[in-house]
Amino acid sequence: MTSTDLLEPVADAEAEMARVAYRFLTTALDHSRAPQIALLDGEGHEADGPKLILPPQALRFFAEVLRILAQQQAVVLMPQRHELTTQEAATFLNVSRPYVIKEIEAGRLQCRKVNRHRRIEFSELQRYKAQQQQSTSAALQQLAELAEDLEMDY
């Protein structure tokens, strides 16, 4: 991941523009099956130039990016099968690089080797992160049930 892959959070005025654009785009997607968007000028007339023809999936993607920008959150764009180094994986998971290597060696995180270097697919990191969150939630639920059984008041 490079810094050019990151869309920084936008200013308040741009966030409002993204919020409005998101509402219009999702309304258009909900009420129409048209695969194109016509650009209009300030008076509501079609703008000069070619029509933009996009698949509906791309329009949904743009709507999602607009939603995230409207919330003034940063966005990272990468292909699904993008591979990360162990350091990039550690940064994504918010853990240390040695911890990532330990998880790989324990078989809990899959990778492939390129010479001596390990590469982890982004989709594998997403799977691992979801599994960790699920394990954490289950452990917290067990603790809450145990505290209830022991009649511990907080």
Protein backbone atom coordinates (compact mmCIF):
# COMPACT_ATOMS: atom_id res chain seq x y z
CA MET A 1 0.00 0.00 0.00
CA THR A 2 1.34 3.37 -0.90
CA SER A 3 0.19 6.78 0.20
CA THR A 4 -1.35 7.27 -3.27
CA ASP A 5 -3.74 4.39 -2.57
CA LEU A 6 -5.27 6.36 0.32
CA LEU A 7 -8.04 8.90 -0.15
CA GLU A 8 -7.68 11.21 2.83
CA PRO A 9 -10.75 12.45 4.70
CA VAL A 10 -12.33 15.45 2.99
CA ALA A 11 -13.17 18.90 4.35
CA ASP A 12 -16.66 19.76 5.62
CA ALA A 13 -17.79 21.38 2.35
CA GLU A 14 -16.60 18.41 0.28
CA ALA A 15 -18.22 15.99 2.73
CA GLU A 16 -21.55 17.78 2.23
CA MET A 17 -21.12 17.59 -1.55
CA ALA A 18 -20.38 13.84 -1.23
CA ARG A 19 -23.46 13.39 1.00
CA VAL A 20 -25.73 15.07 -1.59
CA ALA A 21 -24.16 13.13 -4.47
CA TYR A 22 -24.56 9.89 -2.53
CA ARG A 23 -28.28 10.55 -1.94
CA PHE A 24 -28.89 11.36 -5.61
CA LEU A 25 -26.93 8.37 -6.85
CA THR A 26 -28.61 5.88 -4.50
CA THR A 27 -32.04 7.30 -5.35
CA ALA A 28 -31.26 6.90 -9.04
CA LEU A 29 -30.05 3.33 -8.50
CA ASP A 30 -33.14 2.45 -6.42
CA HIS A 31 -35.63 3.83 -8.95
CA SER A 32 -33.95 3.10 -12.25
CA ARG A 33 -32.23 0.27 -14.05
CA ALA A 34 -30.54 2.67 -16.49
CA PRO A 35 -26.83 1.89 -16.98
CA GLN A 36 -25.85 5.51 -17.60
CA ILE A 37 -25.77 8.88 -15.95
CA ALA A 38 -26.47 12.08 -17.85
CA LEU A 39 -24.44 15.06 -16.69
CA LEU A 40 -26.57 18.18 -16.34
CA ASP A 41 -25.52 21.81 -16.23
CA GLY A 42 -26.68 24.26 -13.57
CA GLU A 43 -30.01 24.83 -15.40
CA GLY A 44 -30.85 21.13 -15.68
CA HIS A 45 -29.94 20.72 -19.37
CA GLU A 46 -27.74 17.89 -20.55
CA ALA A 47 -24.11 18.98 -20.62
CA ASP A 48 -22.16 18.88 -23.83
CA GLY A 49 -19.91 15.89 -24.27
CA PRO A 50 -20.21 12.14 -24.34
CA LYS A 51 -22.56 10.21 -22.08
CA LEU A 52 -20.98 8.23 -19.28
CA ILE A 53 -22.11 4.60 -19.52
CA LEU A 54 -21.25 2.47 -16.48
CA PRO A 55 -22.34 -0.94 -15.20
CA PRO A 56 -24.69 -0.78 -12.20
CA GLN A 57 -22.03 -2.43 -10.00
CA ALA A 58 -19.65 0.46 -10.70
CA LEU A 59 -22.38 2.94 -9.80
CA ARG A 60 -22.95 1.14 -6.50
CA PHE A 61 -19.20 1.28 -5.88
CA PHE A 62 -19.12 5.04 -6.50
CA ALA A 63 -22.11 5.47 -4.19
CA GLU A 64 -20.28 3.57 -1.43
CA VAL A 65 -17.15 5.73 -1.87
CA LEU A 66 -19.32 8.86 -1.68
CA ARG A 67 -20.97 7.57 1.51
CA ILE A 68 -17.59 7.01 3.16
CA LEU A 69 -16.29 10.40 2.03
CA ALA A 70 -19.46 12.05 3.38
CA GLN A 71 -18.60 10.56 6.78
CA GLN A 72 -15.13 12.15 6.43
CA GLN A 73 -13.38 8.80 6.65
CA ALA A 74 -10.25 7.79 4.76
CA VAL A 75 -10.66 5.27 1.93
CA VAL A 76 -8.12 2.71 0.75
CA LEU A 77 -8.62 1.25 -2.71
CA MET A 78 -7.01 -2.06 -3.59
CA PRO A 79 -7.82 -5.10 -5.70
CA GLN A 80 -9.36 -8.08 -3.86
CA ARG A 81 -6.40 -10.35 -4.64
CA HIS A 82 -3.81 -7.74 -3.65
CA GLU A 83 -0.95 -9.23 -1.64
CA LEU A 84 0.63 -7.50 1.32
CA THR A 85 3.95 -7.96 3.07
CA THR A 86 3.99 -9.15 6.66
CA GLN A 87 4.65 -5.56 7.80
CA GLU A 88 1.68 -4.22 5.79
CA ALA A 89 -0.47 -7.06 7.18
CA ALA A 90 0.63 -6.19 10.72
CA THR A 91 -0.27 -2.54 10.14
CA PHE A 92 -3.70 -3.53 8.77
CA LEU A 93 -4.39 -5.83 11.74
CA ASN A 94 -2.89 -3.36 14.23
CA VAL A 95 -0.48 -5.96 15.60
CA SER A 96 3.29 -6.49 15.44
CA ARG A 97 5.08 -8.11 12.51
CA PRO A 98 6.38 -10.97 14.73
CA TYR A 99 2.78 -11.67 15.78
CA VAL A 100 1.75 -11.98 12.11
CA ILE A 101 4.63 -14.40 11.49
CA LYS A 102 3.63 -16.42 14.57
CA GLU A 103 0.03 -16.66 13.27
CA ILE A 104 1.33 -17.79 9.86
CA GLU A 105 3.55 -20.45 11.41
CA ALA A 106 0.64 -21.66 13.58
CA GLY A 107 -1.49 -22.08 10.43
CA ARG A 108 -4.10 -19.52 11.45
CA LEU A 109 -3.11 -17.08 8.68
CA GLN A 110 -2.40 -18.29 5.14
CA CYS A 111 0.37 -16.87 2.98
CA ARG A 112 2.56 -17.73 0.04
CA LYS A 113 6.31 -17.40 -0.20
CA VAL A 114 8.13 -15.40 -2.83
CA ASN A 115 11.73 -16.51 -2.37
CA ARG A 116 12.20 -15.91 1.39
CA HIS A 117 9.41 -13.34 1.68
CA ARG A 118 5.86 -14.01 2.77
CA ARG A 119 2.90 -12.46 0.92
CA ILE A 120 -0.62 -12.45 2.36
CA GLU A 121 -3.71 -11.84 0.23
CA PHE A 122 -5.92 -8.99 1.41
CA SER A 123 -8.96 -11.29 1.33
CA GLU A 124 -7.13 -13.66 3.71
CA LEU A 125 -6.49 -10.76 6.08
CA GLN A 126 -10.17 -9.83 5.98
CA ARG A 127 -11.12 -13.45 6.75
CA TYR A 128 -8.64 -13.62 9.62
CA LYS A 129 -9.76 -10.28 11.07
CA ALA A 130 -13.44 -11.31 10.96
CA GLN A 131 -12.59 -14.63 12.64
CA GLN A 132 -10.65 -12.82 15.38
CA GLN A 133 -13.54 -10.40 15.98
CA GLN A 134 -15.96 -13.32 16.16
CA SER A 135 -13.72 -15.11 18.71
CA THR A 136 -13.47 -11.93 20.78
CA SER A 137 -17.24 -11.46 20.75
CA ALA A 138 -17.80 -15.08 21.81
CA ALA A 139 -15.30 -14.74 24.68
CA LEU A 140 -16.94 -11.53 25.88
CA GLN A 141 -20.35 -13.19 25.76
CA GLN A 142 -19.04 -16.11 27.84
CA LEU A 143 -17.59 -13.68 30.40
CA ALA A 144 -20.89 -11.84 30.62
CA GLU A 145 -22.79 -15.10 31.13
CA LEU A 146 -20.29 -16.24 33.79
CA ALA A 147 -20.61 -12.92 35.63
CA GLU A 148 -24.40 -13.27 35.50
CA ASP A 149 -24.24 -16.87 36.81
CA LEU A 150 -22.01 -15.76 39.68
CA GLU A 151 -24.38 -12.86 40.36
CA MET A 152 -21.62 -10.30 40.06
CA ASP A 153 -22.86 -6.74 39.92
CA TYR A 154 -21.02 -4.10 37.97
